[in-house]
Amino acid sequence: DTVSGLDSIERLILNDNELKGTLPYELYKMESIEVLSLSQNKLTGHLSSRLKDLKNLKEAYFWENMLTGTIPDEIGDLTELTALQVNHNDITGDMPSEICDLELDSLYADCSPNSQDEVKVECSCCTQCFE
């Protein structure tokens, strides 16, 4: 319950804090959040479709964690979103067309072939690709 009572927070930046575990349920109640940066931690699990509940979200940074699964289509419902960075995780699959339709200024994913010529995330609209 570490983030409850923070529903008026507009920026939550917790990069490089060795946070572990999955994204807490209370996070999706932070209706005023505009910038969510949880990069360079040890977060596991997947990105939830509940991210769509953060209607004011403009920037979301999840790079360099241990997140798995696919990128939820529902993130495309975030019409204010300008940046989504999910690179350097274990996320796989296709970048949803709903996210590509947002024409983000910054969309980073692991969409470059690695040394085995494998691509984790198929993405035709990413602004930057990583292995």
Protein backbone atom coordinates (compact mmCIF):
# COMPACT_ATOMS: atom_id res chain seq x y z
CA ASP A 1 0.00 0.00 0.00
CA THR A 2 3.00 2.25 -0.52
CA VAL A 3 1.44 4.41 -3.28
CA SER A 4 -2.12 4.79 -1.98
CA GLY A 5 -3.10 8.33 -1.09
CA LEU A 6 -0.98 9.70 -3.91
CA ASP A 7 -3.80 10.28 -6.39
CA SER A 8 -2.82 13.94 -6.95
CA ILE A 9 0.80 13.14 -7.95
CA GLU A 10 1.59 14.27 -11.49
CA ARG A 11 5.15 12.94 -11.75
CA LEU A 12 6.44 9.71 -10.26
CA ILE A 13 10.10 9.12 -11.04
CA LEU A 14 11.65 6.12 -9.30
CA ASN A 15 14.47 5.20 -11.66
CA ASP A 16 17.40 3.11 -10.45
CA ASN A 17 15.96 2.25 -7.04
CA GLU A 18 16.25 -1.56 -7.24
CA LEU A 19 12.46 -1.84 -7.04
CA LYS A 20 11.43 -5.49 -7.25
CA GLY A 21 8.21 -7.34 -7.97
CA THR A 22 5.24 -6.48 -10.10
CA LEU A 23 3.66 -3.09 -10.62
CA PRO A 24 1.37 -2.47 -7.62
CA TYR A 25 -2.39 -2.35 -8.17
CA GLU A 26 -2.55 1.07 -6.48
CA LEU A 27 -0.44 2.53 -9.27
CA TYR A 28 -3.42 2.34 -11.62
CA LYS A 29 -5.45 4.57 -9.29
CA MET A 30 -3.08 7.53 -9.73
CA GLU A 31 -5.46 9.41 -12.03
CA SER A 32 -3.45 12.66 -12.11
CA ILE A 33 -0.16 11.04 -13.13
CA GLU A 34 1.38 12.54 -16.26
CA VAL A 35 4.93 11.15 -16.05
CA LEU A 36 5.62 7.63 -14.81
CA SER A 37 9.26 6.60 -14.85
CA LEU A 38 10.20 3.25 -13.34
CA SER A 39 13.28 2.50 -15.44
CA GLN A 40 16.45 0.72 -14.34
CA ASN A 41 14.82 -1.36 -11.62
CA LYS A 42 14.12 -5.06 -11.21
CA LEU A 43 10.41 -5.03 -11.94
CA THR A 44 8.89 -8.31 -13.10
CA GLY A 45 5.54 -9.38 -14.50
CA HIS A 46 3.87 -7.71 -17.42
CA LEU A 47 2.51 -4.31 -18.37
CA SER A 48 -1.14 -4.37 -17.43
CA SER A 49 -4.01 -3.25 -19.63
CA ARG A 50 -4.98 -1.22 -16.53
CA LEU A 51 -2.43 1.39 -17.68
CA LYS A 52 -5.33 2.70 -19.78
CA ASP A 53 -6.86 3.97 -16.53
CA LEU A 54 -4.10 6.60 -16.29
CA LYS A 55 -5.93 8.92 -18.70
CA ASN A 56 -3.56 11.89 -18.14
CA LEU A 57 -0.40 9.86 -18.75
CA LYS A 58 1.93 11.62 -21.20
CA GLU A 59 5.22 9.81 -20.62
CA ALA A 60 5.78 6.21 -19.52
CA TYR A 61 9.29 4.84 -19.02
CA PHE A 62 9.80 1.18 -18.14
CA TRP A 63 13.15 0.49 -19.81
CA GLU A 64 15.76 -1.79 -18.29
CA ASN A 65 13.63 -3.97 -16.05
CA MET A 66 12.67 -7.64 -16.25
CA LEU A 67 9.16 -7.19 -17.61
CA THR A 68 7.69 -9.99 -19.73
CA GLY A 69 4.64 -10.63 -21.87
CA THR A 70 3.32 -8.43 -24.63
CA ILE A 71 2.46 -4.75 -24.85
CA PRO A 72 -1.27 -4.27 -24.17
CA ASP A 73 -3.38 -2.79 -26.98
CA GLU A 74 -5.20 -0.68 -24.37
CA ILE A 75 -2.18 1.60 -24.01
CA GLY A 76 -3.38 2.99 -27.34
CA ASP A 77 -6.35 4.47 -25.43
CA LEU A 78 -3.98 6.96 -23.77
CA THR A 79 -4.56 9.84 -26.16
CA GLU A 80 -2.26 12.20 -24.20
CA LEU A 81 0.71 9.81 -24.42
CA THR A 82 3.79 11.18 -26.20
CA ALA A 83 6.48 8.76 -24.95
CA LEU A 84 6.59 5.03 -24.23
CA GLN A 85 9.90 3.32 -23.59
CA VAL A 86 9.86 -0.42 -22.92
CA ASN A 87 13.29 -1.37 -24.26
CA HIS A 88 15.73 -3.68 -22.46
CA ASN A 89 13.07 -5.98 -21.00
CA ASP A 90 11.83 -9.44 -21.98
CA ILE A 91 8.71 -8.11 -23.69
CA THR A 92 7.87 -9.89 -26.95
CA GLY A 93 5.30 -9.81 -29.73
CA ASP A 94 3.99 -7.08 -31.97
CA MET A 95 3.72 -3.41 -31.12
CA PRO A 96 -0.05 -2.89 -31.15
CA SER A 97 -1.34 -0.79 -34.04
CA GLU A 98 -3.36 1.21 -31.50
CA ILE A 99 -0.06 2.49 -30.07
CA CYS A 100 1.41 3.16 -33.51
CA ASP A 101 -1.69 5.23 -34.32
CA LEU A 102 -0.76 7.61 -31.49
CA GLU A 103 2.34 8.71 -33.46
CA LEU A 104 4.43 9.08 -30.30
CA ASP A 105 7.46 11.39 -30.20
CA SER A 106 9.39 8.64 -28.41
CA LEU A 107 8.59 4.94 -28.79
CA TYR A 108 11.45 2.64 -27.80
CA ALA A 109 11.36 -1.16 -27.88
CA ASP A 110 13.65 -4.15 -28.44
CA CYS A 111 12.90 -4.24 -32.16
CA SER A 112 16.42 -4.66 -33.63
CA PRO A 113 17.74 -8.15 -34.41
CA ASN A 114 20.03 -9.56 -31.72
CA SER A 115 23.14 -11.67 -32.33
CA GLN A 116 20.90 -14.67 -33.13
CA ASP A 117 19.03 -12.53 -35.68
CA GLU A 118 15.92 -12.60 -33.47
CA VAL A 119 13.64 -9.63 -32.88
CA LYS A 120 11.76 -9.51 -29.57
CA VAL A 121 9.22 -6.85 -30.58
CA GLU A 122 7.99 -6.34 -34.12
CA CYS A 123 7.55 -2.60 -34.48
CA SER A 124 7.10 -0.59 -37.66
CA CYS A 125 6.48 2.69 -35.81
CA CYS A 126 9.21 2.73 -33.14
CA THR A 127 11.37 5.82 -33.06
CA GLN A 128 14.31 3.81 -31.73
CA CYS A 129 15.03 0.08 -31.72
CA PHE A 130 17.34 -1.86 -29.42
CA GLU A 131 18.52 -5.47 -29.36
